Amino acid sequence: MYTKTINIEGMQCNHCKMTVEKVLNAIDGVEKVEVNLENKNATIQANKEINDDEIKRVIEEAGFIVK
Protein backbone atom coordinates (compact mmCIF):
# COMPACT_ATOMS: atom_id res chain seq x y z
CA MET A 1 0.00 0.00 0.00
CA TYR A 2 1.29 3.45 -0.99
CA THR A 3 0.66 6.27 1.52
CA LYS A 4 1.44 9.96 1.06
CA THR A 5 0.57 13.06 3.08
CA ILE A 6 0.23 16.40 1.31
CA ASN A 7 0.11 19.81 3.01
CA ILE A 8 -2.62 21.98 1.49
CA GLU A 9 -3.32 25.69 2.00
CA GLY A 10 -6.73 27.29 1.52
CA MET A 11 -9.02 24.67 3.09
CA GLN A 12 -11.29 26.30 5.64
CA CYS A 13 -14.58 24.42 5.83
CA ASN A 14 -16.24 21.05 5.36
CA HIS A 15 -17.06 21.95 1.74
CA CYS A 16 -13.33 22.49 1.08
CA LYS A 17 -12.60 19.13 2.70
CA MET A 18 -15.18 17.34 0.54
CA THR A 19 -13.84 19.00 -2.63
CA VAL A 20 -10.26 17.90 -1.94
CA GLU A 21 -11.44 14.36 -1.08
CA LYS A 22 -13.43 14.19 -4.32
CA VAL A 23 -10.59 15.30 -6.62
CA LEU A 24 -8.01 13.06 -4.93
CA ASN A 25 -10.33 10.03 -4.95
CA ALA A 26 -10.73 10.50 -8.72
CA ILE A 27 -7.02 9.76 -9.31
CA ASP A 28 -6.47 6.25 -10.67
CA GLY A 29 -5.21 3.92 -7.95
CA VAL A 30 -6.37 5.98 -4.97
CA GLU A 31 -8.32 3.87 -2.49
CA LYS A 32 -8.74 6.19 0.49
CA VAL A 33 -8.33 9.89 1.25
CA GLU A 34 -8.39 11.50 4.70
CA VAL A 35 -8.43 15.29 4.85
CA ASN A 36 -7.63 17.04 8.13
CA LEU A 37 -8.73 20.68 8.15
CA GLU A 38 -6.99 21.45 11.46
CA ASN A 39 -3.61 20.17 10.24
CA LYS A 40 -4.20 21.47 6.69
CA ASN A 41 -3.26 18.19 5.04
CA ALA A 42 -4.56 15.18 3.18
CA THR A 43 -3.36 11.59 3.46
CA ILE A 44 -3.74 9.40 0.39
CA GLN A 45 -3.71 5.61 0.41
CA ALA A 46 -3.36 3.97 -2.98
CA ASN A 47 -2.68 0.59 -4.51
CA LYS A 48 0.19 2.06 -6.54
CA GLU A 49 2.54 5.04 -6.40
CA ILE A 50 0.82 8.26 -7.42
CA ASN A 51 2.77 10.91 -9.32
CA ASP A 52 3.31 14.07 -7.22
CA ASP A 53 2.62 16.27 -10.24
CA GLU A 54 -0.79 14.64 -10.72
CA ILE A 55 -1.66 15.18 -7.04
CA LYS A 56 -0.59 18.83 -7.20
CA ARG A 57 -2.46 19.42 -10.47
CA VAL A 58 -5.85 18.17 -9.23
CA ILE A 59 -5.57 20.03 -5.92
CA GLU A 60 -4.59 23.29 -7.60
CA GLU A 61 -7.32 22.91 -10.25
CA ALA A 62 -9.79 22.68 -7.32
CA GLY A 63 -8.52 26.06 -6.09
CA PHE A 64 -6.13 25.09 -3.29
CA ILE A 65 -2.36 25.40 -2.86
CA VAL A 66 0.01 22.47 -2.30
CA LYS A 67 2.79 23.32 0.18
PDB file of N, CA and C in Angstrom:
ATOM      1  N   MET A   1       0.844  -1.188   0.000  1.00  0.00           N
ATOM      2  CA  MET A   1       0.000   0.000   0.000  1.00  0.00           C
ATOM      3  C   MET A   1       0.886   1.247   0.000  1.00  0.00           C
ATOM      4  N   TYR A   2       0.572   2.182  -0.865  1.00  0.00           N
ATOM      5  CA  TYR A   2       1.293   3.448  -0.993  1.00  0.00           C
ATOM      6  C   TYR A   2       0.553   4.501  -0.174  1.00  0.00           C
ATOM      7  N   THR A   3       1.261   5.215   0.701  1.00  0.00           N
ATOM      8  CA  THR A   3       0.659   6.270   1.517  1.00  0.00           C
ATOM      9  C   THR A   3       1.475   7.546   1.371  1.00  0.00           C
ATOM     10  N   LYS A   4       0.771   8.665   1.211  1.00  0.00           N
ATOM     11  CA  LYS A   4       1.441   9.959   1.057  1.00  0.00           C
ATOM     12  C   LYS A   4       0.595  11.026   1.741  1.00  0.00           C
ATOM     13  N   THR A   5       1.261  11.933   2.449  1.00  0.00           N
ATOM     14  CA  THR A   5       0.571  13.060   3.077  1.00  0.00           C
ATOM     15  C   THR A   5       0.992  14.346   2.372  1.00  0.00           C
ATOM     16  N   ILE A   6      -0.007  15.161   2.032  1.00  0.00           N
ATOM     17  CA  ILE A   6       0.227  16.402   1.310  1.00  0.00           C
ATOM     18  C   ILE A   6      -0.272  17.561   2.160  1.00  0.00           C
ATOM     19  N   ASN A   7       0.544  18.604   2.313  1.00  0.00           N
ATOM     20  CA  ASN A   7       0.113  19.814   3.012  1.00  0.00           C
ATOM     21  C   ASN A   7      -0.591  20.721   2.007  1.00  0.00           C
ATOM     22  N   ILE A   8      -1.775  21.207   2.402  1.00  0.00           N
ATOM     23  CA  ILE A   8      -2.624  21.983   1.494  1.00  0.00           C
ATOM     24  C   ILE A   8      -3.059  23.274   2.178  1.00  0.00           C
ATOM     25  N   GLU A   9      -2.872  24.396   1.496  1.00  0.00           N
ATOM     26  CA  GLU A   9      -3.319  25.692   2.000  1.00  0.00           C
ATOM     27  C   GLU A   9      -4.647  26.065   1.337  1.00  0.00           C
ATOM     28  N   GLY A  10      -5.496  26.758   2.093  1.00  0.00           N
ATOM     29  CA  GLY A  10      -6.726  27.291   1.520  1.00  0.00           C
ATOM     30  C   GLY A  10      -7.982  26.543   1.937  1.00  0.00           C
ATOM     31  N   MET A  11      -7.837  25.415   2.623  1.00  0.00           N
ATOM     32  CA  MET A  11      -9.018  24.669   3.086  1.00  0.00           C
ATOM     33  C   MET A  11      -9.499  25.283   4.401  1.00  0.00           C
ATOM     34  N   GLN A  12     -10.780  25.653   4.442  1.00  0.00           N
ATOM     35  CA  GLN A  12     -11.288  26.304   5.640  1.00  0.00           C
ATOM     36  C   GLN A  12     -12.580  25.706   6.176  1.00  0.00           C
ATOM     37  N   CYS A  13     -13.271  24.900   5.394  1.00  0.00           N
ATOM     38  CA  CYS A  13     -14.581  24.420   5.834  1.00  0.00           C
ATOM     39  C   CYS A  13     -14.796  22.982   5.342  1.00  0.00           C
ATOM     40  N   ASN A  14     -15.913  22.425   5.741  1.00  0.00           N
ATOM     41  CA  ASN A  14     -16.237  21.054   5.356  1.00  0.00           C
ATOM     42  C   ASN A  14     -16.412  20.936   3.838  1.00  0.00           C
ATOM     43  N   HIS A  15     -16.916  21.976   3.193  1.00  0.00           N
ATOM     44  CA  HIS A  15     -17.063  21.948   1.736  1.00  0.00           C
ATOM     45  C   HIS A  15     -15.692  21.839   1.068  1.00  0.00           C
ATOM     46  N   CYS A  16     -14.702  22.580   1.597  1.00  0.00           N
ATOM     47  CA  CYS A  16     -13.330  22.487   1.084  1.00  0.00           C
ATOM     48  C   CYS A  16     -12.810  21.059   1.238  1.00  0.00           C
ATOM     49  N   LYS A  17     -13.032  20.496   2.415  1.00  0.00           N
ATOM     50  CA  LYS A  17     -12.596  19.127   2.700  1.00  0.00           C
ATOM     51  C   LYS A  17     -13.201  18.148   1.699  1.00  0.00           C
ATOM     52  N   MET A  18     -14.495  18.263   1.471  1.00  0.00           N
ATOM     53  CA  MET A  18     -15.177  17.340   0.543  1.00  0.00           C
ATOM     54  C   MET A  18     -14.661  17.517  -0.884  1.00  0.00           C
ATOM     55  N   THR A  19     -14.365  18.747  -1.279  1.00  0.00           N
ATOM     56  CA  THR A  19     -13.840  19.003  -2.625  1.00  0.00           C
ATOM     57  C   THR A  19     -12.484  18.336  -2.813  1.00  0.00           C
ATOM     58  N   VAL A  20     -11.590  18.505  -1.843  1.00  0.00           N
ATOM     59  CA  VAL A  20     -10.263  17.896  -1.935  1.00  0.00           C
ATOM     60  C   VAL A  20     -10.377  16.375  -1.947  1.00  0.00           C
ATOM     61  N   GLU A  21     -11.236  15.818  -1.092  1.00  0.00           N
ATOM     62  CA  GLU A  21     -11.438  14.363  -1.079  1.00  0.00           C
ATOM     63  C   GLU A  21     -11.926  13.876  -2.431  1.00  0.00           C
ATOM     64  N   LYS A  22     -12.859  14.600  -3.028  1.00  0.00           N
ATOM     65  CA  LYS A  22     -13.429  14.195  -4.318  1.00  0.00           C
ATOM     66  C   LYS A  22     -12.368  14.172  -5.422  1.00  0.00           C
ATOM     67  N   VAL A  23     -11.567  15.250  -5.526  1.00  0.00           N
ATOM     68  CA  VAL A  23     -10.587  15.303  -6.622  1.00  0.00           C
ATOM     69  C   VAL A  23      -9.466  14.285  -6.425  1.00  0.00           C
ATOM     70  N   LEU A  24      -9.069  14.049  -5.173  1.00  0.00           N
ATOM     71  CA  LEU A  24      -8.011  13.063  -4.931  1.00  0.00           C
ATOM     72  C   LEU A  24      -8.519  11.647  -5.146  1.00  0.00           C
ATOM     73  N   ASN A  25      -9.753  11.366  -4.746  1.00  0.00           N
ATOM     74  CA  ASN A  25     -10.329  10.031  -4.950  1.00  0.00           C
ATOM     75  C   ASN A  25     -10.497   9.698  -6.433  1.00  0.00           C
ATOM     76  N   ALA A  26     -10.557  10.723  -7.281  1.00  0.00           N
ATOM     77  CA  ALA A  26     -10.734  10.500  -8.717  1.00  0.00           C
ATOM     78  C   ALA A  26      -9.444  10.050  -9.403  1.00  0.00           C
ATOM     79  N   ILE A  27      -8.298  10.182  -8.723  1.00  0.00           N
ATOM     80  CA  ILE A  27      -7.023   9.760  -9.310  1.00  0.00           C
ATOM     81  C   ILE A  27      -6.979   8.234  -9.355  1.00  0.00           C
ATOM     82  N   ASP A  28      -6.562   7.708 -10.485  1.00  0.00           N
ATOM     83  CA  ASP A  28      -6.473   6.253 -10.670  1.00  0.00           C
ATOM     84  C   ASP A  28      -5.536   5.639  -9.634  1.00  0.00           C
ATOM     85  N   GLY A  29      -6.025   4.621  -8.932  1.00  0.00           N
ATOM     86  CA  GLY A  29      -5.212   3.920  -7.953  1.00  0.00           C
ATOM     87  C   GLY A  29      -5.488   4.331  -6.516  1.00  0.00           C
ATOM     88  N   VAL A  30      -6.091   5.510  -6.329  1.00  0.00           N
ATOM     89  CA  VAL A  30      -6.372   5.984  -4.969  1.00  0.00           C
ATOM     90  C   VAL A  30      -7.523   5.178  -4.373  1.00  0.00           C
ATOM     91  N   GLU A  31      -7.302   4.665  -3.165  1.00  0.00           N
ATOM     92  CA  GLU A  31      -8.319   3.865  -2.493  1.00  0.00           C
ATOM     93  C   GLU A  31      -8.962   4.587  -1.318  1.00  0.00           C
ATOM     94  N   LYS A  32      -8.205   5.493  -0.675  1.00  0.00           N
ATOM     95  CA  LYS A  32      -8.736   6.187   0.493  1.00  0.00           C
ATOM     96  C   LYS A  32      -8.059   7.540   0.638  1.00  0.00           C
ATOM     97  N   VAL A  33      -8.854   8.551   1.009  1.00  0.00           N
ATOM     98  CA  VAL A  33      -8.328   9.895   1.255  1.00  0.00           C
ATOM     99  C   VAL A  33      -8.870  10.382   2.591  1.00  0.00           C
ATOM    100  N   GLU A  34      -7.981  10.887   3.436  1.00  0.00           N
ATOM    101  CA  GLU A  34      -8.394  11.500   4.700  1.00  0.00           C
ATOM    102  C   GLU A  34      -7.873  12.923   4.725  1.00  0.00           C
ATOM    103  N   VAL A  35      -8.800  13.876   4.800  1.00  0.00           N
ATOM    104  CA  VAL A  35      -8.427  15.285   4.847  1.00  0.00           C
ATOM    105  C   VAL A  35      -8.605  15.783   6.277  1.00  0.00           C
ATOM    106  N   ASN A  36      -7.590  16.469   6.787  1.00  0.00           N
ATOM    107  CA  ASN A  36      -7.628  17.036   8.131  1.00  0.00           C
ATOM    108  C   ASN A  36      -7.558  18.556   8.008  1.00  0.00           C
ATOM    109  N   LEU A  37      -8.689  19.218   8.269  1.00  0.00           N
ATOM    110  CA  LEU A  37      -8.735  20.683   8.151  1.00  0.00           C
ATOM    111  C   LEU A  37      -7.824  21.358   9.167  1.00  0.00           C
ATOM    112  N   GLU A  38      -7.795  20.838  10.392  1.00  0.00           N
ATOM    113  CA  GLU A  38      -6.994  21.447  11.459  1.00  0.00           C
ATOM    114  C   GLU A  38      -5.502  21.425  11.119  1.00  0.00           C
ATOM    115  N   ASN A  39      -5.030  20.301  10.589  1.00  0.00           N
ATOM    116  CA  ASN A  39      -3.614  20.166  10.239  1.00  0.00           C
ATOM    117  C   ASN A  39      -3.304  20.638   8.818  1.00  0.00           C
ATOM    118  N   LYS A  40      -4.343  20.991   8.078  1.00  0.00           N
ATOM    119  CA  LYS A  40      -4.204  21.465   6.691  1.00  0.00           C
ATOM    120  C   LYS A  40      -3.455  20.462   5.828  1.00  0.00           C
ATOM    121  N   ASN A  41      -3.904  19.195   5.875  1.00  0.00           N
ATOM    122  CA  ASN A  41      -3.264  18.189   5.041  1.00  0.00           C
ATOM    123  C   ASN A  41      -4.249  17.117   4.594  1.00  0.00           C
ATOM    124  N   ALA A  42      -3.791  16.315   3.673  1.00  0.00           N
ATOM    125  CA  ALA A  42      -4.562  15.179   3.183  1.00  0.00           C
ATOM    126  C   ALA A  42      -3.626  13.983   3.111  1.00  0.00           C
ATOM    127  N   THR A  43      -4.122  12.828   3.552  1.00  0.00           N
ATOM    128  CA  THR A  43      -3.360  11.590   3.458  1.00  0.00           C
ATOM    129  C   THR A  43      -4.039  10.699   2.432  1.00  0.00           C
ATOM    130  N   ILE A  44      -3.246  10.249   1.482  1.00  0.00           N
ATOM    131  CA  ILE A  44      -3.744   9.400   0.394  1.00  0.00           C
ATOM    132  C   ILE A  44      -3.226   7.987   0.600  1.00  0.00           C
ATOM    133  N   GLN A  45      -4.122   7.013   0.462  1.00  0.00           N
ATOM    134  CA  GLN A  45      -3.714   5.610   0.411  1.00  0.00           C
ATOM    135  C   GLN A  45      -4.098   5.091  -0.969  1.00  0.00           C
ATOM    136  N   ALA A  46      -3.135   4.437  -1.616  1.00  0.00           N
ATOM    137  CA  ALA A  46      -3.356   3.974  -2.981  1.00  0.00           C
ATOM    138  C   ALA A  46      -2.749   2.588  -3.167  1.00  0.00           C
ATOM    139  N   ASN A  47      -3.199   1.915  -4.221  1.00  0.00           N
ATOM    140  CA  ASN A  47      -2.678   0.588  -4.508  1.00  0.00           C
ATOM    141  C   ASN A  47      -1.460   0.637  -5.426  1.00  0.00           C
ATOM    142  N   LYS A  48      -1.023   1.860  -5.757  1.00  0.00           N
ATOM    143  CA  LYS A  48       0.194   2.058  -6.543  1.00  0.00           C
ATOM    144  C   LYS A  48       0.727   3.445  -6.242  1.00  0.00           C
ATOM    145  N   GLU A  49       1.967   3.710  -6.627  1.00  0.00           N
ATOM    146  CA  GLU A  49       2.540   5.036  -6.396  1.00  0.00           C
ATOM    147  C   GLU A  49       1.844   6.058  -7.284  1.00  0.00           C
ATOM    148  N   ILE A  50       1.495   7.194  -6.686  1.00  0.00           N
ATOM    149  CA  ILE A  50       0.822   8.261  -7.420  1.00  0.00           C
ATOM    150  C   ILE A  50       1.840   9.377  -7.686  1.00  0.00           C
ATOM    151  N   ASN A  51       1.850   9.858  -8.910  1.00  0.00           N
ATOM    152  CA  ASN A  51       2.768  10.913  -9.323  1.00  0.00           C
ATOM    153  C   ASN A  51       2.458  12.209  -8.572  1.00  0.00           C
ATOM    154  N   ASP A  52       3.490  12.821  -7.971  1.00  0.00           N
ATOM    155  CA  ASP A  52       3.310  14.069  -7.221  1.00  0.00           C
ATOM    156  C   ASP A  52       2.732  15.184  -8.084  1.00  0.00           C
ATOM    157  N   ASP A  53       3.136  15.233  -9.343  1.00  0.00           N
ATOM    158  CA  ASP A  53       2.622  16.274 -10.236  1.00  0.00           C
ATOM    159  C   ASP A  53       1.122  16.128 -10.456  1.00  0.00           C
ATOM    160  N   GLU A  54       0.642  14.896 -10.540  1.00  0.00           N
ATOM    161  CA  GLU A  54      -0.789  14.644 -10.715  1.00  0.00           C
ATOM    162  C   GLU A  54      -1.560  15.087  -9.470  1.00  0.00           C
ATOM    163  N   ILE A  55      -1.023  14.770  -8.296  1.00  0.00           N
ATOM    164  CA  ILE A  55      -1.665  15.177  -7.037  1.00  0.00           C
ATOM    165  C   ILE A  55      -1.748  16.701  -6.972  1.00  0.00           C
ATOM    166  N   LYS A  56      -0.632  17.360  -7.244  1.00  0.00           N
ATOM    167  CA  LYS A  56      -0.589  18.825  -7.199  1.00  0.00           C
ATOM    168  C   LYS A  56      -1.556  19.436  -8.206  1.00  0.00           C
ATOM    169  N   ARG A  57      -1.595  18.878  -9.404  1.00  0.00           N
ATOM    170  CA  ARG A  57      -2.457  19.420 -10.467  1.00  0.00           C
ATOM    171  C   ARG A  57      -3.925  19.392 -10.058  1.00  0.00           C
ATOM    172  N   VAL A  58      -4.422  18.256  -9.553  1.00  0.00           N
ATOM    173  CA  VAL A  58      -5.855  18.167  -9.231  1.00  0.00           C
ATOM    174  C   VAL A  58      -6.212  19.047  -8.035  1.00  0.00           C
ATOM    175  N   ILE A  59      -5.296  19.172  -7.075  1.00  0.00           N
ATOM    176  CA  ILE A  59      -5.567  20.031  -5.917  1.00  0.00           C
ATOM    177  C   ILE A  59      -5.595  21.496  -6.344  1.00  0.00           C
ATOM    178  N   GLU A  60      -4.640  21.895  -7.174  1.00  0.00           N
ATOM    179  CA  GLU A  60      -4.593  23.291  -7.604  1.00  0.00           C
ATOM    180  C   GLU A  60      -5.739  23.623  -8.554  1.00  0.00           C
ATOM    181  N   GLU A  61      -6.166  22.672  -9.386  1.00  0.00           N
ATOM    182  CA  GLU A  61      -7.320  22.907 -10.253  1.00  0.00           C
ATOM    183  C   GLU A  61      -8.594  23.102  -9.419  1.00  0.00           C
ATOM    184  N   ALA A  62      -8.626  22.519  -8.217  1.00  0.00           N
ATOM    185  CA  ALA A  62      -9.785  22.679  -7.324  1.00  0.00           C
ATOM    186  C   ALA A  62      -9.713  23.997  -6.552  1.00  0.00           C
ATOM    187  N   GLY A  63      -8.607  24.739  -6.698  1.00  0.00           N
ATOM    188  CA  GLY A  63      -8.521  26.062  -6.092  1.00  0.00           C
ATOM    189  C   GLY A  63      -7.712  26.136  -4.805  1.00  0.00           C
ATOM    190  N   PHE A  64      -6.931  25.114  -4.526  1.00  0.00           N
ATOM    191  CA  PHE A  64      -6.134  25.091  -3.292  1.00  0.00           C
ATOM    192  C   PHE A  64      -4.645  25.088  -3.643  1.00  0.00           C
ATOM    193  N   ILE A  65      -3.800  25.288  -2.648  1.00  0.00           N
ATOM    194  CA  ILE A  65      -2.355  25.398  -2.865  1.00  0.00           C
ATOM    195  C   ILE A  65      -1.646  24.255  -2.144  1.00  0.00           C
ATOM    196  N   VAL A  66      -0.800  23.534  -2.881  1.00  0.00           N
ATOM    197  CA  VAL A  66       0.011  22.466  -2.296  1.00  0.00           C
ATOM    198  C   VAL A  66       1.276  23.091  -1.736  1.00  0.00           C
ATOM    199  N   LYS A  67       1.582  22.783  -0.485  1.00  0.00           N
ATOM    200  CA  LYS A  67       2.789  23.321   0.176  1.00  0.00           C
ATOM    201  C   LYS A  67       3.880  22.278   0.195  1.00  0.00           C
TER     202      LYS A  67
END
